[in-house]
Amino acid sequence: YGKLIGSLNIGSLDAERYADGSRTDFFEHLAAIIAICIENAANVQRLRRQGLTDTLTAINNRRFFDQRLQEEIEVAQRNQAPLSCMLLDVDYFKKVNDSYGHQVGDQVLREVAALVRAQLRGSDVLSRYGGEEFSALLSNTSAETAAEVAERVRKGVEGHVFHLPDGETFTVTISIGVATCTPTGEAEAIFSGGEFLVGQADRRMYQAKAAGRNAVVCAGDLTAAEQ
């Protein structure tokens, strides 16, 4: 509101067409209609975006992730480029809620989301996958690079100190599963839906938890494994 987002300029070869005193009722009415249309379009876009955003953490939600997953798979197919997926889970999150309350738990999720986001590129797709789980799609990213990114994320969360209003502090850790694929040749059909890639990342995340948590487990290059 009060912010210029466009302008309508009308001209005429007749030098007297818009002289002082000329009636411009039609153009004023037209401008009002256009302004209403623009505002309606902006509202629709805002509502659509809200439907794809997690209200707690202000990052993408699961619905957005599912949409982008297929899009990223298609881009990877066209470019014959690797696509990596990370699934991240906050360790012992229920203990945080039980010990400090759900408001603190919510704050932990917000701060963890920000910590993860800080380690990703602007083109990477970070989403809240559900509960205390997050997901990230890293386009054109090899298995080795994805593993390095995941380890930076793990260390970033591990080293972060959370502060309570009474001055008490605590830390949390995360477990991360990583999977990478390059949908080419015979492997293309296997990865085309994206479920296999996400499933492999999920499997590695649970392996990280089974190994003691606060760890990164990588599936490596699934394409090479399939071939």
Protein backbone atom coordinates (compact mmCIF):
# COMPACT_ATOMS: atom_id res chain seq x y z
CA TYR A 1 0.00 0.00 0.00
CA GLY A 2 1.31 3.41 -1.02
CA LYS A 3 4.04 1.67 -3.05
CA LEU A 4 4.31 2.27 -6.78
CA ILE A 5 4.31 -1.03 -8.68
CA GLY A 6 3.59 0.28 -12.17
CA SER A 7 2.43 3.22 -14.24
CA LEU A 8 0.11 3.84 -17.19
CA ASN A 9 1.34 6.42 -19.68
CA ILE A 10 -1.01 7.72 -22.39
CA GLY A 11 0.11 10.01 -25.20
CA SER A 12 -1.36 11.67 -28.26
CA LEU A 13 -0.02 13.29 -31.43
CA ASP A 14 -2.51 16.06 -30.78
CA ALA A 15 -0.68 18.65 -28.69
CA GLU A 16 -3.97 19.98 -27.32
CA ARG A 17 -5.40 16.57 -26.41
CA TYR A 18 -4.37 16.73 -22.77
CA ALA A 19 -4.29 20.47 -22.22
CA ASP A 20 -5.30 21.86 -18.84
CA GLY A 21 -9.05 21.53 -18.40
CA SER A 22 -9.40 18.49 -20.68
CA ARG A 23 -11.63 15.79 -19.26
CA THR A 24 -9.78 12.59 -18.40
CA ASP A 25 -12.60 10.78 -16.58
CA PHE A 26 -12.27 7.70 -18.79
CA PHE A 27 -8.57 7.31 -18.10
CA GLU A 28 -9.03 7.87 -14.38
CA HIS A 29 -11.71 5.17 -14.36
CA LEU A 30 -9.47 2.86 -16.41
CA ALA A 31 -6.57 3.40 -14.03
CA ALA A 32 -8.80 2.54 -11.06
CA ILE A 33 -9.90 -0.71 -12.73
CA ILE A 34 -6.31 -1.65 -13.57
CA ALA A 35 -5.24 -0.95 -9.99
CA ILE A 36 -7.97 -3.27 -8.69
CA CYS A 37 -6.89 -6.01 -11.12
CA ILE A 38 -3.26 -5.68 -10.05
CA GLU A 39 -4.19 -5.80 -6.37
CA ASN A 40 -6.35 -8.89 -6.92
CA ALA A 41 -3.52 -10.61 -8.79
CA ALA A 42 -1.10 -9.74 -5.98
CA ASN A 43 -3.52 -11.12 -3.40
CA VAL A 44 -3.91 -14.37 -5.33
CA GLN A 45 -0.14 -14.71 -5.57
CA ARG A 46 0.24 -13.99 -1.87
CA LEU A 47 -2.39 -16.60 -0.94
CA ARG A 48 -0.78 -19.15 -3.23
CA ARG A 49 2.58 -18.50 -1.63
CA GLN A 50 1.10 -18.80 1.86
CA GLY A 51 -0.26 -22.20 0.88
CA LEU A 52 3.29 -23.34 0.06
CA THR A 53 5.00 -21.85 3.13
CA ASP A 54 5.39 -23.37 6.58
CA THR A 55 3.90 -20.81 8.96
CA LEU A 56 6.19 -21.70 11.87
CA THR A 57 9.59 -21.56 10.20
CA ALA A 58 8.72 -19.35 7.19
CA ILE A 59 10.44 -21.79 4.83
CA ASN A 60 8.79 -23.98 2.19
CA ASN A 61 6.36 -26.67 3.31
CA ARG A 62 5.98 -30.33 2.28
CA ARG A 63 3.55 -29.46 -0.51
CA PHE A 64 6.08 -27.11 -2.08
CA PHE A 65 8.81 -29.73 -1.74
CA ASP A 66 6.73 -32.35 -3.54
CA GLN A 67 6.05 -29.94 -6.40
CA ARG A 68 9.66 -28.86 -6.75
CA LEU A 69 10.98 -32.41 -6.52
CA GLN A 70 9.41 -33.36 -9.83
CA GLU A 71 10.55 -30.10 -11.40
CA GLU A 72 14.13 -30.64 -10.24
CA ILE A 73 14.08 -34.23 -11.53
CA GLU A 74 13.01 -32.96 -14.95
CA VAL A 75 15.77 -30.33 -14.96
CA ALA A 76 18.32 -32.98 -13.98
CA GLN A 77 17.10 -35.21 -16.82
CA ARG A 78 17.41 -32.44 -19.38
CA ASN A 79 20.85 -31.36 -18.21
CA GLN A 80 22.14 -34.85 -17.36
CA ALA A 81 23.18 -33.33 -14.03
CA PRO A 82 23.29 -34.82 -10.52
CA LEU A 83 20.52 -34.03 -8.05
CA SER A 84 21.10 -34.48 -4.33
CA CYS A 85 18.53 -34.77 -1.56
CA MET A 86 19.08 -34.32 2.17
CA LEU A 87 16.65 -35.33 4.89
CA LEU A 88 17.39 -33.89 8.33
CA ASP A 89 15.83 -34.73 11.69
CA VAL A 90 16.35 -32.94 15.02
CA ASP A 91 17.60 -35.51 17.52
CA TYR A 92 15.59 -36.10 20.70
CA PHE A 93 13.20 -33.30 19.81
CA LYS A 94 10.47 -34.71 22.05
CA LYS A 95 12.85 -34.30 24.97
CA VAL A 96 13.18 -30.60 24.11
CA ASN A 97 9.40 -30.16 24.20
CA ASP A 98 9.08 -32.17 27.42
CA SER A 99 11.90 -30.30 29.15
CA TYR A 100 11.32 -26.72 28.01
CA GLY A 101 7.80 -26.59 26.55
CA HIS A 102 6.40 -26.41 23.06
CA GLN A 103 7.13 -22.70 22.62
CA VAL A 104 10.82 -23.39 23.07
CA GLY A 105 10.47 -26.35 20.74
CA ASP A 106 8.99 -24.05 18.12
CA GLN A 107 11.89 -21.65 18.54
CA VAL A 108 14.34 -24.52 18.08
CA LEU A 109 12.70 -25.42 14.78
CA ARG A 110 12.86 -21.81 13.60
CA GLU A 111 16.52 -21.46 14.49
CA VAL A 112 17.46 -24.83 13.02
CA ALA A 113 15.73 -23.85 9.78
CA ALA A 114 17.77 -20.64 9.69
CA LEU A 115 21.01 -22.51 10.44
CA VAL A 116 20.40 -24.97 7.62
CA ARG A 117 19.40 -22.21 5.22
CA ALA A 118 22.66 -20.37 5.94
CA GLN A 119 24.67 -23.32 4.60
CA LEU A 120 22.70 -23.70 1.35
CA ARG A 121 22.80 -21.85 -1.93
CA GLY A 122 19.98 -19.57 -2.95
CA SER A 123 18.98 -22.09 -5.62
CA ASP A 124 18.69 -24.97 -3.16
CA VAL A 125 15.19 -25.92 -2.01
CA LEU A 126 14.81 -26.11 1.78
CA SER A 127 11.47 -27.28 3.20
CA ARG A 128 9.96 -28.39 6.45
CA TYR A 129 9.18 -32.00 5.65
CA GLY A 130 7.05 -32.65 8.72
CA GLY A 131 7.34 -32.34 12.50
CA GLU A 132 11.02 -31.91 13.31
CA GLU A 133 12.15 -33.10 9.87
CA PHE A 134 13.52 -30.91 7.09
CA SER A 135 14.39 -31.66 3.48
CA ALA A 136 16.69 -30.02 0.97
CA LEU A 137 17.12 -30.44 -2.77
CA LEU A 138 20.54 -29.51 -4.14
CA SER A 139 20.51 -29.23 -7.92
CA ASN A 140 23.63 -29.96 -9.97
CA THR A 141 25.38 -31.22 -6.84
CA SER A 142 27.55 -34.33 -6.75
CA ALA A 143 27.45 -36.89 -3.95
CA GLU A 144 30.80 -35.66 -2.64
CA THR A 145 29.73 -32.03 -2.52
CA ALA A 146 26.37 -32.90 -0.96
CA ALA A 147 28.18 -34.83 1.78
CA GLU A 148 30.36 -31.80 2.49
CA VAL A 149 27.32 -29.52 2.68
CA ALA A 150 25.54 -31.94 5.01
CA GLU A 151 28.55 -32.07 7.32
CA ARG A 152 28.70 -28.27 7.45
CA VAL A 153 25.01 -28.21 8.34
CA ARG A 154 25.51 -30.82 11.07
CA LYS A 155 28.41 -28.92 12.61
CA GLY A 156 26.53 -25.63 12.39
CA VAL A 157 23.59 -26.98 14.35
CA GLU A 158 25.79 -28.84 16.83
CA GLY A 159 27.74 -25.67 17.62
CA HIS A 160 24.71 -23.41 18.00
CA VAL A 161 23.66 -22.42 21.52
CA PHE A 162 19.96 -21.92 22.26
CA HIS A 163 19.07 -19.38 24.93
CA LEU A 164 16.10 -19.49 27.28
CA PRO A 165 14.51 -16.36 28.79
CA ASP A 166 15.85 -17.28 32.25
CA GLY A 167 19.41 -17.39 30.95
CA GLU A 168 19.68 -21.16 30.69
CA THR A 169 21.27 -22.50 27.52
CA PHE A 170 21.19 -25.82 25.70
CA THR A 171 22.18 -27.39 22.39
CA VAL A 172 20.66 -29.87 19.96
CA THR A 173 22.01 -32.08 17.20
CA ILE A 174 20.63 -33.40 13.94
CA SER A 175 20.89 -36.59 11.93
CA ILE A 176 21.16 -36.28 8.15
CA GLY A 177 20.66 -38.71 5.30
CA VAL A 178 21.99 -37.85 1.84
CA ALA A 179 21.28 -39.41 -1.55
CA THR A 180 22.36 -38.37 -5.04
CA CYS A 181 21.33 -39.43 -8.52
CA THR A 182 21.94 -38.45 -12.12
CA PRO A 183 18.85 -39.60 -14.05
CA THR A 184 20.54 -40.80 -17.23
CA GLY A 185 20.31 -43.87 -19.45
CA GLU A 186 18.70 -46.95 -17.95
CA ALA A 187 18.63 -45.34 -14.50
CA GLU A 188 16.39 -42.51 -15.71
CA ALA A 189 13.15 -44.46 -15.26
CA ILE A 190 14.09 -45.45 -11.71
CA PHE A 191 14.58 -41.85 -10.60
CA SER A 192 11.90 -40.18 -12.73
CA GLY A 193 9.32 -39.96 -9.95
CA GLY A 194 11.68 -38.79 -7.24
CA GLU A 195 10.35 -41.27 -4.67
CA PHE A 196 13.43 -43.46 -4.93
CA LEU A 197 15.79 -40.55 -4.29
CA VAL A 198 13.85 -39.33 -1.25
CA GLY A 199 13.42 -42.86 0.03
CA GLN A 200 17.16 -43.48 -0.10
CA ALA A 201 17.87 -40.23 1.75
CA ASP A 202 15.26 -41.18 4.36
CA ARG A 203 16.81 -44.61 4.79
CA ARG A 204 20.25 -43.06 5.38
CA MET A 205 18.80 -40.60 7.88
CA TYR A 206 17.49 -43.49 9.99
CA GLN A 207 20.85 -45.20 9.66
CA ALA A 208 22.43 -42.05 11.10
CA LYS A 209 20.03 -42.21 14.04
CA ALA A 210 20.69 -45.91 14.57
CA ALA A 211 24.43 -45.19 14.60
CA GLY A 212 24.04 -42.85 17.57
CA ARG A 213 22.61 -39.67 16.03
CA ASN A 214 24.44 -36.39 15.34
CA ALA A 215 25.79 -37.94 12.16
CA VAL A 216 25.67 -37.79 8.37
CA VAL A 217 25.14 -40.97 6.35
CA CYS A 218 25.41 -40.80 2.56
CA ALA A 219 24.14 -43.20 -0.05
CA GLY A 220 26.76 -42.02 -2.52
CA ASP A 221 26.09 -41.90 -6.25
CA LEU A 222 23.01 -44.08 -6.66
CA THR A 223 23.23 -43.82 -10.43
CA ALA A 224 26.65 -45.46 -10.44
CA ALA A 225 25.42 -48.10 -8.00
CA GLU A 226 22.49 -48.97 -10.27
CA GLN A 227 24.72 -49.24 -13.29
